[in-house]
Amino acid sequence: MRSPPVTISVDKLTEPAVREFVSAVNAHDRERFMAVLTSDATMTDDGSDRDLQDWVDREIFDSRGHMDVENESAGGRELIARYRNDTWGEMRTKWRFTVEDGKVSRFDTGQA
């Protein structure tokens, strides 16, 4: 039986905007989450552009999404995380963030 991967505590994530993004997801705090994004933020899921508002509601907040970060790279702007929600269960995912002026202007996610 394999041990579960070691995770990085959210408060130890290097990039402040990414740390706030993950904290807001895990706290199920939509208002806090939206505050870490630029007003024109964009995103992709598995390489396809998505409507950010619709995706965030469906994949994070309506389905109680949660991220357990296993690894970070690129100065904290790239993560490997076990992501789970009530719709899809748990899967290993990758996340890449573009940060401008302390806010996330784009994130790309998909299965790792």
N, C-alpha and C. Protein backbone atom coordinates (compact mmCIF):
# COMPACT_ATOMS: atom_id res chain seq x y z
N MET A 1 0.84 -1.18 0.00
CA MET A 1 0.00 0.00 0.00
C MET A 1 0.89 1.25 0.00
N ARG A 2 0.62 2.14 -0.96
CA ARG A 2 1.42 3.37 -1.06
C ARG A 2 0.94 4.41 -0.07
N SER A 3 1.88 5.18 0.43
CA SER A 3 1.53 6.31 1.29
C SER A 3 1.02 7.44 0.43
N PRO A 4 0.09 8.24 0.95
CA PRO A 4 -0.35 9.39 0.17
C PRO A 4 0.80 10.38 -0.02
N PRO A 5 0.81 11.10 -1.15
CA PRO A 5 1.88 12.08 -1.38
C PRO A 5 1.89 13.14 -0.28
N VAL A 6 3.07 13.62 0.00
CA VAL A 6 3.21 14.71 0.97
C VAL A 6 2.66 15.97 0.33
N THR A 7 1.95 16.75 1.10
CA THR A 7 1.41 18.00 0.57
C THR A 7 2.12 19.20 1.20
N ILE A 8 2.03 20.31 0.49
CA ILE A 8 2.60 21.57 0.95
C ILE A 8 1.49 22.36 1.64
N SER A 9 1.74 22.80 2.84
CA SER A 9 0.77 23.63 3.54
C SER A 9 0.51 24.91 2.73
N VAL A 10 -0.74 25.29 2.62
CA VAL A 10 -1.10 26.46 1.80
C VAL A 10 -0.31 27.69 2.23
N ASP A 11 -0.13 27.88 3.52
CA ASP A 11 0.57 29.08 3.99
C ASP A 11 2.06 29.07 3.63
N LYS A 12 2.57 27.95 3.11
CA LYS A 12 3.97 27.87 2.69
C LYS A 12 4.15 28.09 1.19
N LEU A 13 3.06 28.26 0.44
CA LEU A 13 3.18 28.50 -1.00
C LEU A 13 3.91 29.82 -1.25
N THR A 14 4.77 29.84 -2.24
CA THR A 14 5.70 30.95 -2.48
C THR A 14 5.02 32.21 -3.01
N GLU A 15 4.19 32.07 -4.02
CA GLU A 15 3.57 33.23 -4.69
C GLU A 15 2.33 33.68 -3.92
N PRO A 16 2.31 34.93 -3.40
CA PRO A 16 1.18 35.38 -2.58
C PRO A 16 -0.18 35.28 -3.28
N ALA A 17 -0.27 35.62 -4.55
CA ALA A 17 -1.57 35.57 -5.23
C ALA A 17 -2.05 34.13 -5.37
N VAL A 18 -1.14 33.21 -5.64
CA VAL A 18 -1.50 31.79 -5.74
C VAL A 18 -1.89 31.25 -4.38
N ARG A 19 -1.15 31.65 -3.35
CA ARG A 19 -1.48 31.25 -1.98
C ARG A 19 -2.90 31.69 -1.63
N GLU A 20 -3.26 32.91 -1.98
CA GLU A 20 -4.60 33.42 -1.71
C GLU A 20 -5.65 32.69 -2.54
N PHE A 21 -5.34 32.38 -3.78
CA PHE A 21 -6.23 31.62 -4.67
C PHE A 21 -6.57 30.27 -4.04
N VAL A 22 -5.53 29.52 -3.65
CA VAL A 22 -5.75 28.20 -3.06
C VAL A 22 -6.48 28.32 -1.72
N SER A 23 -6.12 29.30 -0.92
CA SER A 23 -6.80 29.50 0.37
C SER A 23 -8.28 29.76 0.18
N ALA A 24 -8.62 30.59 -0.81
CA ALA A 24 -10.02 30.92 -1.06
C ALA A 24 -10.79 29.70 -1.57
N VAL A 25 -10.17 28.91 -2.45
CA VAL A 25 -10.81 27.67 -2.93
C VAL A 25 -11.11 26.78 -1.73
N ASN A 26 -10.11 26.53 -0.90
CA ASN A 26 -10.26 25.59 0.20
C ASN A 26 -11.20 26.10 1.29
N ALA A 27 -11.36 27.42 1.38
CA ALA A 27 -12.30 28.01 2.35
C ALA A 27 -13.72 28.11 1.77
N HIS A 28 -13.87 27.75 0.49
CA HIS A 28 -15.17 27.86 -0.21
C HIS A 28 -15.70 29.29 -0.13
N ASP A 29 -14.77 30.24 -0.30
CA ASP A 29 -15.10 31.67 -0.18
C ASP A 29 -15.03 32.31 -1.56
N ARG A 30 -16.17 32.37 -2.23
CA ARG A 30 -16.24 32.88 -3.60
C ARG A 30 -15.83 34.36 -3.67
N GLU A 31 -16.26 35.15 -2.73
CA GLU A 31 -15.94 36.59 -2.72
C GLU A 31 -14.42 36.79 -2.59
N ARG A 32 -13.81 36.07 -1.69
CA ARG A 32 -12.36 36.15 -1.51
C ARG A 32 -11.64 35.66 -2.77
N PHE A 33 -12.15 34.60 -3.37
CA PHE A 33 -11.57 34.07 -4.60
C PHE A 33 -11.62 35.11 -5.71
N MET A 34 -12.77 35.71 -5.93
CA MET A 34 -12.92 36.70 -7.00
C MET A 34 -12.02 37.91 -6.75
N ALA A 35 -11.76 38.23 -5.50
CA ALA A 35 -10.92 39.39 -5.17
C ALA A 35 -9.46 39.17 -5.56
N VAL A 36 -9.01 37.92 -5.68
CA VAL A 36 -7.61 37.64 -6.06
C VAL A 36 -7.43 37.64 -7.58
N LEU A 37 -8.54 37.70 -8.34
CA LEU A 37 -8.47 37.71 -9.80
C LEU A 37 -8.56 39.14 -10.33
N THR A 38 -7.89 39.39 -11.46
CA THR A 38 -8.09 40.67 -12.14
C THR A 38 -9.51 40.69 -12.70
N SER A 39 -10.01 41.86 -13.01
CA SER A 39 -11.39 41.98 -13.51
C SER A 39 -11.58 41.31 -14.87
N ASP A 40 -10.48 41.14 -15.62
CA ASP A 40 -10.58 40.51 -16.94
C ASP A 40 -9.88 39.15 -16.99
N ALA A 41 -9.82 38.47 -15.85
CA ALA A 41 -9.13 37.18 -15.77
C ALA A 41 -9.74 36.16 -16.72
N THR A 42 -8.88 35.26 -17.21
CA THR A 42 -9.30 34.20 -18.12
C THR A 42 -8.74 32.87 -17.60
N MET A 43 -9.25 31.77 -18.18
CA MET A 43 -8.77 30.46 -17.76
C MET A 43 -9.02 29.42 -18.83
N THR A 44 -8.27 28.32 -18.71
CA THR A 44 -8.50 27.14 -19.55
C THR A 44 -8.60 25.92 -18.64
N ASP A 45 -9.30 24.91 -19.13
CA ASP A 45 -9.39 23.62 -18.46
C ASP A 45 -9.08 22.56 -19.51
N ASP A 46 -8.06 21.77 -19.26
CA ASP A 46 -7.59 20.76 -20.21
C ASP A 46 -7.38 21.34 -21.61
N GLY A 47 -6.83 22.57 -21.66
CA GLY A 47 -6.46 23.19 -22.93
C GLY A 47 -7.56 23.94 -23.65
N SER A 48 -8.78 23.93 -23.12
CA SER A 48 -9.90 24.64 -23.75
C SER A 48 -10.28 25.87 -22.95
N ASP A 49 -10.45 26.99 -23.65
CA ASP A 49 -10.93 28.20 -22.97
C ASP A 49 -12.30 27.93 -22.37
N ARG A 50 -12.51 28.44 -21.18
CA ARG A 50 -13.79 28.27 -20.48
C ARG A 50 -14.30 29.63 -20.03
N ASP A 51 -15.61 29.71 -19.85
CA ASP A 51 -16.20 30.89 -19.22
C ASP A 51 -15.84 30.83 -17.74
N LEU A 52 -15.04 31.78 -17.30
CA LEU A 52 -14.50 31.73 -15.96
C LEU A 52 -15.59 31.67 -14.90
N GLN A 53 -16.58 32.55 -14.97
CA GLN A 53 -17.62 32.59 -13.94
C GLN A 53 -18.37 31.27 -13.86
N ASP A 54 -18.76 30.74 -15.00
CA ASP A 54 -19.50 29.48 -15.04
C ASP A 54 -18.64 28.34 -14.50
N TRP A 55 -17.39 28.27 -14.93
CA TRP A 55 -16.50 27.19 -14.51
C TRP A 55 -16.25 27.25 -13.00
N VAL A 56 -15.96 28.44 -12.51
CA VAL A 56 -15.67 28.61 -11.08
C VAL A 56 -16.87 28.17 -10.23
N ASP A 57 -18.06 28.59 -10.64
CA ASP A 57 -19.25 28.18 -9.88
C ASP A 57 -19.42 26.67 -9.92
N ARG A 58 -19.36 26.08 -11.11
CA ARG A 58 -19.63 24.65 -11.29
C ARG A 58 -18.53 23.76 -10.69
N GLU A 59 -17.27 24.09 -10.96
CA GLU A 59 -16.17 23.20 -10.60
C GLU A 59 -15.58 23.47 -9.21
N ILE A 60 -15.82 24.67 -8.68
CA ILE A 60 -15.25 24.98 -7.36
C ILE A 60 -16.35 25.17 -6.32
N PHE A 61 -17.18 26.17 -6.49
CA PHE A 61 -18.04 26.57 -5.37
C PHE A 61 -19.32 25.77 -5.23
N ASP A 62 -20.00 25.44 -6.32
CA ASP A 62 -21.21 24.63 -6.20
C ASP A 62 -20.89 23.18 -5.83
N SER A 63 -19.68 22.74 -6.10
CA SER A 63 -19.31 21.34 -5.87
C SER A 63 -18.23 21.19 -4.77
N ARG A 64 -18.01 22.24 -3.99
CA ARG A 64 -17.10 22.21 -2.84
C ARG A 64 -15.70 21.72 -3.20
N GLY A 65 -15.07 22.42 -4.16
CA GLY A 65 -13.73 22.07 -4.59
C GLY A 65 -12.69 22.26 -3.49
N HIS A 66 -11.61 21.48 -3.58
CA HIS A 66 -10.53 21.55 -2.59
C HIS A 66 -9.22 21.14 -3.26
N MET A 67 -8.16 21.87 -2.96
CA MET A 67 -6.83 21.60 -3.51
C MET A 67 -5.86 21.19 -2.41
N ASP A 68 -5.17 20.06 -2.62
CA ASP A 68 -4.05 19.66 -1.78
C ASP A 68 -2.81 19.71 -2.67
N VAL A 69 -1.97 20.71 -2.43
CA VAL A 69 -0.82 20.96 -3.29
C VAL A 69 0.31 19.98 -2.95
N GLU A 70 0.78 19.28 -3.98
CA GLU A 70 1.88 18.34 -3.83
C GLU A 70 3.23 18.96 -4.18
N ASN A 71 3.22 19.89 -5.14
CA ASN A 71 4.48 20.43 -5.65
C ASN A 71 4.22 21.82 -6.22
N GLU A 72 5.22 22.68 -6.09
CA GLU A 72 5.17 23.98 -6.76
C GLU A 72 6.48 24.21 -7.48
N SER A 73 6.40 24.96 -8.58
CA SER A 73 7.59 25.31 -9.36
C SER A 73 7.36 26.67 -9.99
N ALA A 74 8.33 27.12 -10.78
CA ALA A 74 8.24 28.42 -11.47
C ALA A 74 7.91 29.55 -10.49
N GLY A 75 8.63 29.57 -9.37
CA GLY A 75 8.42 30.63 -8.39
C GLY A 75 7.05 30.59 -7.74
N GLY A 76 6.46 29.42 -7.68
CA GLY A 76 5.15 29.27 -7.06
C GLY A 76 3.99 29.50 -8.00
N ARG A 77 4.28 29.68 -9.28
CA ARG A 77 3.22 29.94 -10.26
C ARG A 77 2.76 28.69 -11.01
N GLU A 78 3.36 27.56 -10.70
CA GLU A 78 2.90 26.28 -11.25
C GLU A 78 2.77 25.30 -10.10
N LEU A 79 1.64 24.61 -10.07
CA LEU A 79 1.35 23.66 -9.00
C LEU A 79 0.95 22.31 -9.58
N ILE A 80 1.25 21.28 -8.84
CA ILE A 80 0.64 19.96 -9.01
C ILE A 80 -0.18 19.76 -7.74
N ALA A 81 -1.45 19.44 -7.91
CA ALA A 81 -2.33 19.32 -6.74
C ALA A 81 -3.32 18.18 -6.93
N ARG A 82 -3.66 17.56 -5.83
CA ARG A 82 -4.81 16.66 -5.83
C ARG A 82 -6.02 17.56 -5.65
N TYR A 83 -6.87 17.58 -6.67
CA TYR A 83 -8.07 18.42 -6.63
C TYR A 83 -9.27 17.50 -6.51
N ARG A 84 -10.18 17.88 -5.63
CA ARG A 84 -11.40 17.09 -5.50
C ARG A 84 -12.60 18.01 -5.39
N ASN A 85 -13.72 17.51 -5.89
CA ASN A 85 -14.99 18.18 -5.68
C ASN A 85 -16.10 17.13 -5.63
N ASP A 86 -17.30 17.57 -5.28
CA ASP A 86 -18.40 16.63 -5.10
C ASP A 86 -18.90 16.05 -6.42
N THR A 87 -18.54 16.65 -7.55
CA THR A 87 -18.99 16.17 -8.86
C THR A 87 -18.08 15.07 -9.40
N TRP A 88 -16.77 15.33 -9.40
CA TRP A 88 -15.81 14.45 -10.07
C TRP A 88 -14.96 13.60 -9.13
N GLY A 89 -15.05 13.82 -7.84
CA GLY A 89 -14.16 13.11 -6.93
C GLY A 89 -12.78 13.74 -6.94
N GLU A 90 -11.74 12.91 -6.80
CA GLU A 90 -10.37 13.43 -6.71
C GLU A 90 -9.55 13.05 -7.94
N MET A 91 -8.73 13.99 -8.39
CA MET A 91 -7.81 13.72 -9.49
C MET A 91 -6.54 14.55 -9.31
N ARG A 92 -5.48 14.08 -9.91
CA ARG A 92 -4.21 14.82 -9.88
C ARG A 92 -4.27 15.85 -10.99
N THR A 93 -4.02 17.11 -10.64
CA THR A 93 -4.16 18.21 -11.58
C THR A 93 -2.90 19.08 -11.60
N LYS A 94 -2.76 19.80 -12.70
CA LYS A 94 -1.69 20.80 -12.81
C LYS A 94 -2.37 22.16 -12.96
N TRP A 95 -1.72 23.16 -12.42
CA TRP A 95 -2.22 24.53 -12.45
C TRP A 95 -1.07 25.45 -12.82
N ARG A 96 -1.32 26.38 -13.73
CA ARG A 96 -0.31 27.39 -14.09
C ARG A 96 -1.00 28.75 -13.98
N PHE A 97 -0.34 29.67 -13.31
CA PHE A 97 -0.92 30.98 -13.03
C PHE A 97 -0.10 32.09 -13.68
N THR A 98 -0.81 33.07 -14.22
CA THR A 98 -0.19 34.32 -14.65
C THR A 98 -0.62 35.36 -13.62
N VAL A 99 0.37 36.03 -13.03
CA VAL A 99 0.09 37.01 -11.98
C VAL A 99 0.54 38.38 -12.46
N GLU A 100 -0.35 39.35 -12.36
CA GLU A 100 -0.05 40.74 -12.72
C GLU A 100 -0.48 41.64 -11.59
N ASP A 101 0.45 42.49 -11.14
CA ASP A 101 0.17 43.44 -10.06
C ASP A 101 -0.47 42.77 -8.85
N GLY A 102 0.02 41.57 -8.51
CA GLY A 102 -0.42 40.90 -7.30
C GLY A 102 -1.74 40.15 -7.42
N LYS A 103 -2.30 40.06 -8.63
CA LYS A 103 -3.55 39.34 -8.84
C LYS A 103 -3.38 38.32 -9.96
N VAL A 104 -4.20 37.30 -9.92
CA VAL A 104 -4.18 36.26 -10.96
C VAL A 104 -4.97 36.79 -12.16
N SER A 105 -4.28 36.89 -13.31
CA SER A 105 -4.96 37.35 -14.52
C SER A 105 -5.35 36.18 -15.43
N ARG A 106 -4.73 35.02 -15.18
CA ARG A 106 -5.07 33.83 -15.96
C ARG A 106 -4.63 32.61 -15.18
N PHE A 107 -5.44 31.56 -15.28
CA PHE A 107 -4.98 30.27 -14.78
C PHE A 107 -5.39 29.20 -15.77
N ASP A 108 -4.50 28.22 -15.88
CA ASP A 108 -4.70 27.08 -16.76
C ASP A 108 -4.63 25.85 -15.88
N THR A 109 -5.62 24.99 -16.01
CA THR A 109 -5.65 23.77 -15.22
C THR A 109 -6.00 22.59 -16.09
N GLY A 110 -5.72 21.43 -15.59
CA GLY A 110 -6.05 20.20 -16.30
C GLY A 110 -5.48 19.03 -15.55
N GLN A 111 -5.78 17.85 -16.04
CA GLN A 111 -5.26 16.64 -15.40
C GLN A 111 -3.76 16.55 -15.58
N ALA A 112 -3.10 16.12 -14.52
CA ALA A 112 -1.64 15.99 -14.55
C ALA A 112 -1.24 14.60 -15.01
